Amino acid sequence: MENYQSPASDKKKFFLNPVKAVPAANKRILDKVMPVHQVIRFANQAFEKNKTVCIVIEQKMGPKAYTRSAVTGAFKTGVNTNRQIMFTSSDKKMTYLLIIDQILAIQLA
């Protein structure tokens, strides 16, 4: 869906021009969900190349209560046979041991 704006100089004309989208390098991706096989592939590539990524993690807070958070950091291991992966935040304050199903999306930071 595009955003539209009315030109300020043409008050009598009733047409709208599309707003130019500005690409953001680190756009928040909280509403995106990637397929699991793609998450595994991107996570392994980011680990091998030691890239900083932004991931969306879904955590269970209680019965029928989930929260999504975007975290920037790097993977410290590849995906193992138990489908787990270790992720460290960029400020080195938090290390996550995640099941691959908890990661909803990955984007380069």
PDB file of N, CA and C in Angstrom:
ATOM      1  N   MET A   1       0.839  -1.160   0.000  1.00  0.00           N
ATOM      2  CA  MET A   1       0.000   0.000   0.000  1.00  0.00           C
ATOM      3  C   MET A   1       0.890   1.230   0.000  1.00  0.00           C
ATOM      4  N   GLU A   2       0.624   2.166  -0.857  1.00  0.00           N
ATOM      5  CA  GLU A   2       1.437   3.366  -0.966  1.00  0.00           C
ATOM      6  C   GLU A   2       0.830   4.503  -0.167  1.00  0.00           C
ATOM      7  N   ASN A   3       1.685   5.413   0.249  1.00  0.00           N
ATOM      8  CA  ASN A   3       1.225   6.637   0.890  1.00  0.00           C
ATOM      9  C   ASN A   3       1.107   7.711  -0.171  1.00  0.00           C
ATOM     10  N   TYR A   4       0.098   8.556  -0.052  1.00  0.00           N
ATOM     11  CA  TYR A   4      -0.127   9.611  -1.027  1.00  0.00           C
ATOM     12  C   TYR A   4      -0.168  10.962  -0.323  1.00  0.00           C
ATOM     13  N   GLN A   5       0.256  11.977  -1.060  1.00  0.00           N
ATOM     14  CA  GLN A   5       0.197  13.333  -0.532  1.00  0.00           C
ATOM     15  C   GLN A   5      -0.367  14.264  -1.585  1.00  0.00           C
ATOM     16  N   SER A   6      -0.949  15.333  -1.142  1.00  0.00           N
ATOM     17  CA  SER A   6      -1.499  16.342  -2.036  1.00  0.00           C
ATOM     18  C   SER A   6      -0.467  17.444  -2.214  1.00  0.00           C
ATOM     19  N   PRO A   7      -0.171  17.838  -3.463  1.00  0.00           N
ATOM     20  CA  PRO A   7       0.800  18.916  -3.657  1.00  0.00           C
ATOM     21  C   PRO A   7       0.278  20.230  -3.094  1.00  0.00           C
ATOM     22  N   ALA A   8       1.138  20.966  -2.389  1.00  0.00           N
ATOM     23  CA  ALA A   8       0.723  22.201  -1.719  1.00  0.00           C
ATOM     24  C   ALA A   8       0.458  23.324  -2.715  1.00  0.00           C
ATOM     25  N   SER A   9       1.168  23.346  -3.841  1.00  0.00           N
ATOM     26  CA  SER A   9       1.026  24.449  -4.786  1.00  0.00           C
ATOM     27  C   SER A   9      -0.233  24.324  -5.648  1.00  0.00           C
ATOM     28  N   ASP A  10      -0.765  23.141  -5.813  1.00  0.00           N
ATOM     29  CA  ASP A  10      -1.932  22.922  -6.666  1.00  0.00           C
ATOM     30  C   ASP A  10      -3.169  22.674  -5.809  1.00  0.00           C
ATOM     31  N   LYS A  11      -3.686  23.712  -5.197  1.00  0.00           N
ATOM     32  CA  LYS A  11      -4.840  23.564  -4.311  1.00  0.00           C
ATOM     33  C   LYS A  11      -6.120  23.243  -5.077  1.00  0.00           C
ATOM     34  N   LYS A  12      -6.229  23.684  -6.343  1.00  0.00           N
ATOM     35  CA  LYS A  12      -7.464  23.482  -7.092  1.00  0.00           C
ATOM     36  C   LYS A  12      -7.537  22.108  -7.752  1.00  0.00           C
ATOM     37  N   LYS A  13      -6.401  21.460  -7.929  1.00  0.00           N
ATOM     38  CA  LYS A  13      -6.401  20.139  -8.553  1.00  0.00           C
ATOM     39  C   LYS A  13      -6.654  19.085  -7.483  1.00  0.00           C
ATOM     40  N   PHE A  14      -7.425  18.081  -7.873  1.00  0.00           N
ATOM     41  CA  PHE A  14      -7.795  17.061  -6.911  1.00  0.00           C
ATOM     42  C   PHE A  14      -7.148  15.724  -7.254  1.00  0.00           C
ATOM     43  N   PHE A  15      -5.848  15.702  -7.387  1.00  0.00           N
ATOM     44  CA  PHE A  15      -5.151  14.449  -7.620  1.00  0.00           C
ATOM     45  C   PHE A  15      -4.065  14.306  -6.566  1.00  0.00           C
ATOM     46  N   LEU A  16      -3.672  13.082  -6.342  1.00  0.00           N
ATOM     47  CA  LEU A  16      -2.659  12.796  -5.333  1.00  0.00           C
ATOM     48  C   LEU A  16      -1.439  12.179  -5.989  1.00  0.00           C
ATOM     49  N   ASN A  17      -0.279  12.528  -5.504  1.00  0.00           N
ATOM     50  CA  ASN A  17       0.974  11.967  -5.995  1.00  0.00           C
ATOM     51  C   ASN A  17       1.501  10.956  -4.985  1.00  0.00           C
ATOM     52  N   PRO A  18       2.050   9.826  -5.456  1.00  0.00           N
ATOM     53  CA  PRO A  18       2.613   8.865  -4.506  1.00  0.00           C
ATOM     54  C   PRO A  18       3.867   9.437  -3.843  1.00  0.00           C
ATOM     55  N   VAL A  19       4.023   9.135  -2.561  1.00  0.00           N
ATOM     56  CA  VAL A  19       5.203   9.560  -1.812  1.00  0.00           C
ATOM     57  C   VAL A  19       6.335   8.598  -2.142  1.00  0.00           C
ATOM     58  N   LYS A  20       7.502   9.136  -2.398  1.00  0.00           N
ATOM     59  CA  LYS A  20       8.669   8.300  -2.691  1.00  0.00           C
ATOM     60  C   LYS A  20       9.096   7.573  -1.419  1.00  0.00           C
ATOM     61  N   ALA A  21       9.230   6.268  -1.518  1.00  0.00           N
ATOM     62  CA  ALA A  21       9.654   5.482  -0.368  1.00  0.00           C
ATOM     63  C   ALA A  21      11.159   5.620  -0.188  1.00  0.00           C
ATOM     64  N   VAL A  22      11.571   5.850   1.027  1.00  0.00           N
ATOM     65  CA  VAL A  22      12.995   5.965   1.344  1.00  0.00           C
ATOM     66  C   VAL A  22      13.439   4.638   1.931  1.00  0.00           C
ATOM     67  N   PRO A  23      14.381   3.934   1.273  1.00  0.00           N
ATOM     68  CA  PRO A  23      14.812   2.652   1.810  1.00  0.00           C
ATOM     69  C   PRO A  23      15.622   2.847   3.087  1.00  0.00           C
ATOM     70  N   ALA A  24      15.321   2.062   4.099  1.00  0.00           N
ATOM     71  CA  ALA A  24      16.044   2.125   5.365  1.00  0.00           C
ATOM     72  C   ALA A  24      16.898   0.879   5.505  1.00  0.00           C
ATOM     73  N   ALA A  25      18.140   1.054   5.880  1.00  0.00           N
ATOM     74  CA  ALA A  25      19.049  -0.079   6.004  1.00  0.00           C
ATOM     75  C   ALA A  25      18.690  -0.951   7.205  1.00  0.00           C
ATOM     76  N   ASN A  26      18.259  -0.347   8.280  1.00  0.00           N
ATOM     77  CA  ASN A  26      17.960  -1.105   9.492  1.00  0.00           C
ATOM     78  C   ASN A  26      16.493  -0.937   9.873  1.00  0.00           C
ATOM     79  N   LYS A  27      15.611  -1.207   8.943  1.00  0.00           N
ATOM     80  CA  LYS A  27      14.174  -1.076   9.181  1.00  0.00           C
ATOM     81  C   LYS A  27      13.722  -2.177  10.134  1.00  0.00           C
ATOM     82  N   ARG A  28      12.901  -1.809  11.082  1.00  0.00           N
ATOM     83  CA  ARG A  28      12.384  -2.799  12.028  1.00  0.00           C
ATOM     84  C   ARG A  28      11.459  -3.762  11.295  1.00  0.00           C
ATOM     85  N   ILE A  29      11.604  -5.034  11.622  1.00  0.00           N
ATOM     86  CA  ILE A  29      10.902  -6.078  10.887  1.00  0.00           C
ATOM     87  C   ILE A  29      10.004  -6.884  11.821  1.00  0.00           C
ATOM     88  N   LEU A  30       9.362  -6.218  12.760  1.00  0.00           N
ATOM     89  CA  LEU A  30       8.575  -6.923  13.766  1.00  0.00           C
ATOM     90  C   LEU A  30       7.355  -7.631  13.194  1.00  0.00           C
ATOM     91  N   ASP A  31       6.855  -7.203  12.048  1.00  0.00           N
ATOM     92  CA  ASP A  31       5.653  -7.821  11.500  1.00  0.00           C
ATOM     93  C   ASP A  31       5.960  -8.827  10.402  1.00  0.00           C
ATOM     94  N   LYS A  32       7.218  -9.142  10.172  1.00  0.00           N
ATOM     95  CA  LYS A  32       7.603 -10.075   9.113  1.00  0.00           C
ATOM     96  C   LYS A  32       7.894 -11.455   9.697  1.00  0.00           C
ATOM     97  N   VAL A  33       7.562 -12.494   8.943  1.00  0.00           N
ATOM     98  CA  VAL A  33       7.868 -13.864   9.326  1.00  0.00           C
ATOM     99  C   VAL A  33       8.463 -14.565   8.117  1.00  0.00           C
ATOM    100  N   MET A  34       9.672 -15.101   8.295  1.00  0.00           N
ATOM    101  CA  MET A  34      10.352 -15.818   7.215  1.00  0.00           C
ATOM    102  C   MET A  34      10.118 -17.318   7.390  1.00  0.00           C
ATOM    103  N   PRO A  35      10.187 -18.094   6.300  1.00  0.00           N
ATOM    104  CA  PRO A  35      10.099 -19.554   6.426  1.00  0.00           C
ATOM    105  C   PRO A  35      11.291 -20.099   7.225  1.00  0.00           C
ATOM    106  N   VAL A  36      11.095 -21.220   7.911  1.00  0.00           N
ATOM    107  CA  VAL A  36      12.125 -21.768   8.797  1.00  0.00           C
ATOM    108  C   VAL A  36      13.383 -22.143   8.023  1.00  0.00           C
ATOM    109  N   HIS A  37      13.238 -22.736   6.829  1.00  0.00           N
ATOM    110  CA  HIS A  37      14.426 -23.128   6.073  1.00  0.00           C
ATOM    111  C   HIS A  37      15.253 -21.911   5.675  1.00  0.00           C
ATOM    112  N   GLN A  38      14.595 -20.778   5.435  1.00  0.00           N
ATOM    113  CA  GLN A  38      15.310 -19.557   5.084  1.00  0.00           C
ATOM    114  C   GLN A  38      16.005 -18.964   6.315  1.00  0.00           C
ATOM    115  N   VAL A  39      15.376 -19.052   7.474  1.00  0.00           N
ATOM    116  CA  VAL A  39      15.996 -18.585   8.712  1.00  0.00           C
ATOM    117  C   VAL A  39      17.257 -19.390   8.997  1.00  0.00           C
ATOM    118  N   ILE A  40      17.182 -20.712   8.827  1.00  0.00           N
ATOM    119  CA  ILE A  40      18.351 -21.572   9.060  1.00  0.00           C
ATOM    120  C   ILE A  40      19.476 -21.209   8.106  1.00  0.00           C
ATOM    121  N   ARG A  41      19.153 -21.033   6.847  1.00  0.00           N
ATOM    122  CA  ARG A  41      20.174 -20.706   5.852  1.00  0.00           C
ATOM    123  C   ARG A  41      20.821 -19.351   6.143  1.00  0.00           C
ATOM    124  N   PHE A  42      20.016 -18.325   6.419  1.00  0.00           N
ATOM    125  CA  PHE A  42      20.557 -16.993   6.695  1.00  0.00           C
ATOM    126  C   PHE A  42      21.369 -16.981   7.986  1.00  0.00           C
ATOM    127  N   ALA A  43      20.914 -17.723   9.002  1.00  0.00           N
ATOM    128  CA  ALA A  43      21.645 -17.771  10.272  1.00  0.00           C
ATOM    129  C   ALA A  43      23.008 -18.427  10.090  1.00  0.00           C
ATOM    130  N   ASN A  44      23.060 -19.521   9.345  1.00  0.00           N
ATOM    131  CA  ASN A  44      24.346 -20.178   9.099  1.00  0.00           C
ATOM    132  C   ASN A  44      25.277 -19.296   8.277  1.00  0.00           C
ATOM    133  N   GLN A  45      24.744 -18.592   7.287  1.00  0.00           N
ATOM    134  CA  GLN A  45      25.579 -17.686   6.492  1.00  0.00           C
ATOM    135  C   GLN A  45      26.098 -16.528   7.339  1.00  0.00           C
ATOM    136  N   ALA A  46      25.262 -15.972   8.195  1.00  0.00           N
ATOM    137  CA  ALA A  46      25.694 -14.866   9.058  1.00  0.00           C
ATOM    138  C   ALA A  46      26.758 -15.334  10.043  1.00  0.00           C
ATOM    139  N   PHE A  47      26.645 -16.571  10.534  1.00  0.00           N
ATOM    140  CA  PHE A  47      27.660 -17.106  11.441  1.00  0.00           C
ATOM    141  C   PHE A  47      28.981 -17.321  10.712  1.00  0.00           C
ATOM    142  N   GLU A  48      28.926 -17.916   9.520  1.00  0.00           N
ATOM    143  CA  GLU A  48      30.153 -18.189   8.769  1.00  0.00           C
ATOM    144  C   GLU A  48      30.881 -16.916   8.365  1.00  0.00           C
ATOM    145  N   LYS A  49      30.134 -15.876   8.001  1.00  0.00           N
ATOM    146  CA  LYS A  49      30.741 -14.618   7.547  1.00  0.00           C
ATOM    147  C   LYS A  49      30.910 -13.603   8.676  1.00  0.00           C
ATOM    148  N   ASN A  50      30.482 -13.972   9.901  1.00  0.00           N
ATOM    149  CA  ASN A  50      30.603 -13.118  11.083  1.00  0.00           C
ATOM    150  C   ASN A  50      29.953 -11.752  10.854  1.00  0.00           C
ATOM    151  N   LYS A  51      28.728 -11.760  10.364  1.00  0.00           N
ATOM    152  CA  LYS A  51      27.982 -10.534  10.071  1.00  0.00           C
ATOM    153  C   LYS A  51      27.093 -10.149  11.254  1.00  0.00           C
ATOM    154  N   THR A  52      26.907  -8.854  11.428  1.00  0.00           N
ATOM    155  CA  THR A  52      25.965  -8.344  12.420  1.00  0.00           C
ATOM    156  C   THR A  52      24.579  -8.302  11.787  1.00  0.00           C
ATOM    157  N   VAL A  53      23.605  -8.868  12.486  1.00  0.00           N
ATOM    158  CA  VAL A  53      22.249  -8.954  11.953  1.00  0.00           C
ATOM    159  C   VAL A  53      21.245  -8.446  12.980  1.00  0.00           C
ATOM    160  N   CYS A  54      20.061  -8.132  12.495  1.00  0.00           N
ATOM    161  CA  CYS A  54      18.923  -7.785  13.345  1.00  0.00           C
ATOM    162  C   CYS A  54      17.923  -8.933  13.217  1.00  0.00           C
ATOM    163  N   ILE A  55      17.566  -9.541  14.343  1.00  0.00           N
ATOM    164  CA  ILE A  55      16.631 -10.663  14.310  1.00  0.00           C
ATOM    165  C   ILE A  55      15.384 -10.318  15.122  1.00  0.00           C
ATOM    166  N   VAL A  56      14.301 -10.979  14.782  1.00  0.00           N
ATOM    167  CA  VAL A  56      13.054 -10.850  15.537  1.00  0.00           C
ATOM    168  C   VAL A  56      12.864 -12.148  16.307  1.00  0.00           C
ATOM    169  N   ILE A  57      12.767 -12.024  17.630  1.00  0.00           N
ATOM    170  CA  ILE A  57      12.617 -13.177  18.514  1.00  0.00           C
ATOM    171  C   ILE A  57      11.207 -13.163  19.093  1.00  0.00           C
ATOM    172  N   GLU A  58      10.566 -14.326  19.064  1.00  0.00           N
ATOM    173  CA  GLU A  58       9.259 -14.470  19.710  1.00  0.00           C
ATOM    174  C   GLU A  58       9.449 -15.281  20.984  1.00  0.00           C
ATOM    175  N   GLN A  59       9.078 -14.692  22.119  1.00  0.00           N
ATOM    176  CA  GLN A  59       9.244 -15.355  23.406  1.00  0.00           C
ATOM    177  C   GLN A  59       7.885 -15.554  24.057  1.00  0.00           C
ATOM    178  N   LYS A  60       7.731 -16.707  24.717  1.00  0.00           N
ATOM    179  CA  LYS A  60       6.475 -17.002  25.410  1.00  0.00           C
ATOM    180  C   LYS A  60       6.538 -16.387  26.802  1.00  0.00           C
ATOM    181  N   MET A  61       5.561 -15.556  27.115  1.00  0.00           N
ATOM    182  CA  MET A  61       5.522 -14.870  28.402  1.00  0.00           C
ATOM    183  C   MET A  61       4.593 -15.566  29.400  1.00  0.00           C
ATOM    184  N   GLY A  62       3.689 -16.360  28.913  1.00  0.00           N
ATOM    185  CA  GLY A  62       2.731 -17.055  29.767  1.00  0.00           C
ATOM    186  C   GLY A  62       1.790 -17.841  28.892  1.00  0.00           C
ATOM    187  N   PRO A  63       0.727 -18.376  29.475  1.00  0.00           N
ATOM    188  CA  PRO A  63      -0.227 -19.099  28.634  1.00  0.00           C
ATOM    189  C   PRO A  63      -0.919 -18.146  27.661  1.00  0.00           C
ATOM    190  N   LYS A  64      -0.791 -18.437  26.398  1.00  0.00           N
ATOM    191  CA  LYS A  64      -1.374 -17.647  25.311  1.00  0.00           C
ATOM    192  C   LYS A  64      -0.864 -16.208  25.278  1.00  0.00           C
ATOM    193  N   ALA A  65       0.330 -15.971  25.802  1.00  0.00           N
ATOM    194  CA  ALA A  65       0.915 -14.625  25.792  1.00  0.00           C
ATOM    195  C   ALA A  65       2.323 -14.702  25.219  1.00  0.00           C
ATOM    196  N   TYR A  66       2.537 -14.020  24.107  1.00  0.00           N
ATOM    197  CA  TYR A  66       3.826 -13.996  23.435  1.00  0.00           C
ATOM    198  C   TYR A  66       4.258 -12.550  23.238  1.00  0.00           C
ATOM    199  N   THR A  67       5.560 -12.349  23.137  1.00  0.00           N
ATOM    200  CA  THR A  67       6.084 -11.026  22.837  1.00  0.00           C
ATOM    201  C   THR A  67       7.151 -11.155  21.757  1.00  0.00           C
ATOM    202  N   ARG A  68       7.210 -10.156  20.892  1.00  0.00           N
ATOM    203  CA  ARG A  68       8.218 -10.116  19.838  1.00  0.00           C
ATOM    204  C   ARG A  68       9.166  -8.964  20.115  1.00  0.00           C
ATOM    205  N   SER A  69      10.452  -9.227  19.941  1.00  0.00           N
ATOM    206  CA  SER A  69      11.438  -8.170  20.140  1.00  0.00           C
ATOM    207  C   SER A  69      12.492  -8.257  19.049  1.00  0.00           C
ATOM    208  N   ALA A  70      12.971  -7.100  18.624  1.00  0.00           N
ATOM    209  CA  ALA A  70      14.035  -7.032  17.623  1.00  0.00           C
ATOM    210  C   ALA A  70      15.356  -6.823  18.353  1.00  0.00           C
ATOM    211  N   VAL A  71      16.336  -7.674  18.055  1.00  0.00           N
ATOM    212  CA  VAL A  71      17.633  -7.627  18.718  1.00  0.00           C
ATOM    213  C   VAL A  71      18.715  -7.579  17.648  1.00  0.00           C
ATOM    214  N   THR A  72      19.707  -6.722  17.846  1.00  0.00           N
ATOM    215  CA  THR A  72      20.842  -6.630  16.930  1.00  0.00           C
ATOM    216  C   THR A  72      22.047  -7.288  17.579  1.00  0.00           C
ATOM    217  N   GLY A  73      22.760  -8.101  16.798  1.00  0.00           N
ATOM    218  CA  GLY A  73      23.932  -8.784  17.327  1.00  0.00           C
ATOM    219  C   GLY A  73      24.504  -9.738  16.301  1.00  0.00           C
ATOM    220  N   ALA A  74      25.210 -10.773  16.796  1.00  0.00           N
ATOM    221  CA  ALA A  74      25.865 -11.735  15.908  1.00  0.00           C
ATOM    222  C   ALA A  74      25.639 -13.149  16.435  1.00  0.00           C
ATOM    223  N   PHE A  75      25.617 -14.107  15.516  1.00  0.00           N
ATOM    224  CA  PHE A  75      25.490 -15.508  15.890  1.00  0.00           C
ATOM    225  C   PHE A  75      26.850 -16.033  16.314  1.00  0.00           C
ATOM    226  N   LYS A  76      26.892 -16.775  17.419  1.00  0.00           N
ATOM    227  CA  LYS A  76      28.143 -17.330  17.929  1.00  0.00           C
ATOM    228  C   LYS A  76      28.327 -18.788  17.542  1.00  0.00           C
ATOM    229  N   THR A  77      27.261 -19.452  17.134  1.00  0.00           N
ATOM    230  CA  THR A  77      27.346 -20.823  16.637  1.00  0.00           C
ATOM    231  C   THR A  77      26.421 -20.958  15.439  1.00  0.00           C
ATOM    232  N   GLY A  78      26.615 -22.027  14.691  1.00  0.00           N
ATOM    233  CA  GLY A  78      25.681 -22.356  13.624  1.00  0.00           C
ATOM    234  C   GLY A  78      24.531 -23.170  14.210  1.00  0.00           C
ATOM    235  N   VAL A  79      23.571 -23.498  13.387  1.00  0.00           N
ATOM    236  CA  VAL A  79      22.433 -24.303  13.839  1.00  0.00           C
ATOM    237  C   VAL A  79      22.920 -25.729  14.062  1.00  0.00           C
ATOM    238  N   ASN A  80      22.682 -26.282  15.267  1.00  0.00           N
ATOM    239  CA  ASN A  80      23.135 -27.638  15.563  1.00  0.00           C
ATOM    240  C   ASN A  80      22.025 -28.651  15.284  1.00  0.00           C
ATOM    241  N   THR A  81      22.277 -29.910  15.622  1.00  0.00           N
ATOM    242  CA  THR A  81      21.313 -30.973  15.310  1.00  0.00           C
ATOM    243  C   THR A  81      20.033 -30.859  16.137  1.00  0.00           C
ATOM    244  N   ASN A  82      20.097 -30.179  17.269  1.00  0.00           N
ATOM    245  CA  ASN A  82      18.899 -29.963  18.086  1.00  0.00           C
ATOM    246  C   ASN A  82      18.128 -28.727  17.661  1.00  0.00           C
ATOM    247  N   ARG A  83      18.519 -28.126  16.546  1.00  0.00           N
ATOM    248  CA  ARG A  83      17.895 -26.911  15.999  1.00  0.00           C
ATOM    249  C   ARG A  83      17.996 -25.737  16.974  1.00  0.00           C
ATOM    250  N   GLN A  84      19.153 -25.636  17.621  1.00  0.00           N
ATOM    251  CA  GLN A  84      19.426 -24.526  18.525  1.00  0.00           C
ATOM    252  C   GLN A  84      20.564 -23.689  17.967  1.00  0.00           C
ATOM    253  N   ILE A  85      20.586 -22.416  18.352  1.00  0.00           N
ATOM    254  CA  ILE A  85      21.628 -21.505  17.895  1.00  0.00           C
ATOM    255  C   ILE A  85      21.906 -20.503  19.009  1.00  0.00           C
ATOM    256  N   MET A  86      23.170 -20.080  19.122  1.00  0.00           N
ATOM    257  CA  MET A  86      23.552 -19.114  20.138  1.00  0.00           C
ATOM    258  C   MET A  86      23.720 -17.743  19.491  1.00  0.00           C
ATOM    259  N   PHE A  87      23.132 -16.727  20.111  1.00  0.00           N
ATOM    260  CA  PHE A  87      23.131 -15.369  19.581  1.00  0.00           C
ATOM    261  C   PHE A  87      23.533 -14.414  20.692  1.00  0.00           C
ATOM    262  N   THR A  88      24.472 -13.494  20.396  1.00  0.00           N
ATOM    263  CA  THR A  88      24.916 -12.492  21.362  1.00  0.00           C
ATOM    264  C   THR A  88      24.526 -11.118  20.857  1.00  0.00           C
ATOM    265  N   SER A  89      23.940 -10.303  21.736  1.00  0.00           N
ATOM    266  CA  SER A  89      23.540  -8.952  21.336  1.00  0.00           C
ATOM    267  C   SER A  89      24.775  -8.102  21.076  1.00  0.00           C
ATOM    268  N   SER A  90      24.590  -7.012  20.337  1.00  0.00           N
ATOM    269  CA  SER A  90      25.728  -6.194  19.921  1.00  0.00           C
ATOM    270  C   SER A  90      26.388  -5.466  21.087  1.00  0.00           C
ATOM    271  N   ASP A  91      25.658  -5.233  22.181  1.00  0.00           N
ATOM    272  CA  ASP A  91      26.274  -4.588  23.340  1.00  0.00           C
ATOM    273  C   ASP A  91      26.919  -5.594  24.290  1.00  0.00           C
ATOM    274  N   LYS A  92      26.909  -6.872  23.934  1.00  0.00           N
ATOM    275  CA  LYS A  92      27.534  -7.973  24.676  1.00  0.00           C
ATOM    276  C   LYS A  92      26.947  -8.168  26.079  1.00  0.00           C
ATOM    277  N   LYS A  93      25.759  -7.638  26.324  1.00  0.00           N
ATOM    278  CA  LYS A  93      25.143  -7.792  27.636  1.00  0.00           C
ATOM    279  C   LYS A  93      24.260  -9.026  27.730  1.00  0.00           C
ATOM    280  N   MET A  94      23.791  -9.530  26.585  1.00  0.00           N
ATOM    281  CA  MET A  94      22.847 -10.638  26.614  1.00  0.00           C
ATOM    282  C   MET A  94      23.259 -11.690  25.592  1.00  0.00           C
ATOM    283  N   THR A  95      23.260 -12.948  26.026  1.00  0.00           N
ATOM    284  CA  THR A  95      23.503 -14.076  25.132  1.00  0.00           C
ATOM    285  C   THR A  95      22.262 -14.959  25.165  1.00  0.00           C
ATOM    286  N   TYR A  96      21.762 -15.287  23.988  1.00  0.00           N
ATOM    287  CA  TYR A  96      20.538 -16.079  23.864  1.00  0.00           C
ATOM    288  C   TYR A  96      20.882 -17.462  23.339  1.00  0.00           C
ATOM    289  N   LEU A  97      20.275 -18.491  23.899  1.00  0.00           N
ATOM    290  CA  LEU A  97      20.288 -19.831  23.327  1.00  0.00           C
ATOM    291  C   LEU A  97      18.878 -20.055  22.803  1.00  0.00           C
ATOM    292  N   LEU A  98      18.728 -19.983  21.494  1.00  0.00           N
ATOM    293  CA  LEU A  98      17.409 -19.964  20.869  1.00  0.00           C
ATOM    294  C   LEU A  98      17.127 -21.249  20.115  1.00  0.00           C
ATOM    295  N   ILE A  99      15.895 -21.681  20.160  1.00  0.00           N
ATOM    296  CA  ILE A  99      15.417 -22.707  19.244  1.00  0.00           C
ATOM    297  C   ILE A  99      15.127 -21.979  17.936  1.00  0.00           C
ATOM    298  N   ILE A 100      15.447 -22.591  16.831  1.00  0.00           N
ATOM    299  CA  ILE A 100      15.366 -21.900  15.535  1.00  0.00           C
ATOM    300  C   ILE A 100      13.939 -21.440  15.228  1.00  0.00           C
ATOM    301  N   ASP A 101      12.935 -22.095  15.811  1.00  0.00           N
ATOM    302  CA  ASP A 101      11.546 -21.678  15.595  1.00  0.00           C
ATOM    303  C   ASP A 101      11.210 -20.365  16.296  1.00  0.00           C
ATOM    304  N   GLN A 102      12.026 -19.941  17.256  1.00  0.00           N
ATOM    305  CA  GLN A 102      11.799 -18.670  17.945  1.00  0.00           C
ATOM    306  C   GLN A 102      12.219 -17.476  17.094  1.00  0.00           C
ATOM    307  N   ILE A 103      13.097 -17.696  16.123  1.00  0.00           N
ATOM    308  CA  ILE A 103      13.563 -16.609  15.260  1.00  0.00           C
ATOM    309  C   ILE A 103      12.580 -16.478  14.106  1.00  0.00           C
ATOM    310  N   LEU A 104      11.936 -15.329  14.009  1.00  0.00           N
ATOM    311  CA  LEU A 104      10.919 -15.126  12.979  1.00  0.00           C
ATOM    312  C   LEU A 104      11.482 -14.500  11.715  1.00  0.00           C
ATOM    313  N   ALA A 105      12.501 -13.647  11.847  1.00  0.00           N
ATOM    314  CA  ALA A 105      13.060 -12.965  10.680  1.00  0.00           C
ATOM    315  C   ALA A 105      14.491 -12.542  10.974  1.00  0.00           C
ATOM    316  N   ILE A 106      15.290 -12.438   9.910  1.00  0.00           N
ATOM    317  CA  ILE A 106      16.686 -12.002   9.999  1.00  0.00           C
ATOM    318  C   ILE A 106      16.910 -10.941   8.937  1.00  0.00           C
ATOM    319  N   GLN A 107      17.641  -9.890   9.323  1.00  0.00           N
ATOM    320  CA  GLN A 107      17.994  -8.825   8.382  1.00  0.00           C
ATOM    321  C   GLN A 107      19.392  -8.331   8.723  1.00  0.00           C
ATOM    322  N   LEU A 108      20.188  -8.004   7.702  1.00  0.00           N
ATOM    323  CA  LEU A 108      21.510  -7.438   7.955  1.00  0.00           C
ATOM    324  C   LEU A 108      21.377  -6.101   8.666  1.00  0.00           C
ATOM    325  N   ALA A 109      22.247  -5.874   9.635  1.00  0.00           N
ATOM    326  CA  ALA A 109      22.200  -4.608  10.389  1.00  0.00           C
ATOM    327  C   ALA A 109      23.092  -3.567   9.758  1.00  0.00           C
TER     328      ALA A 109
END
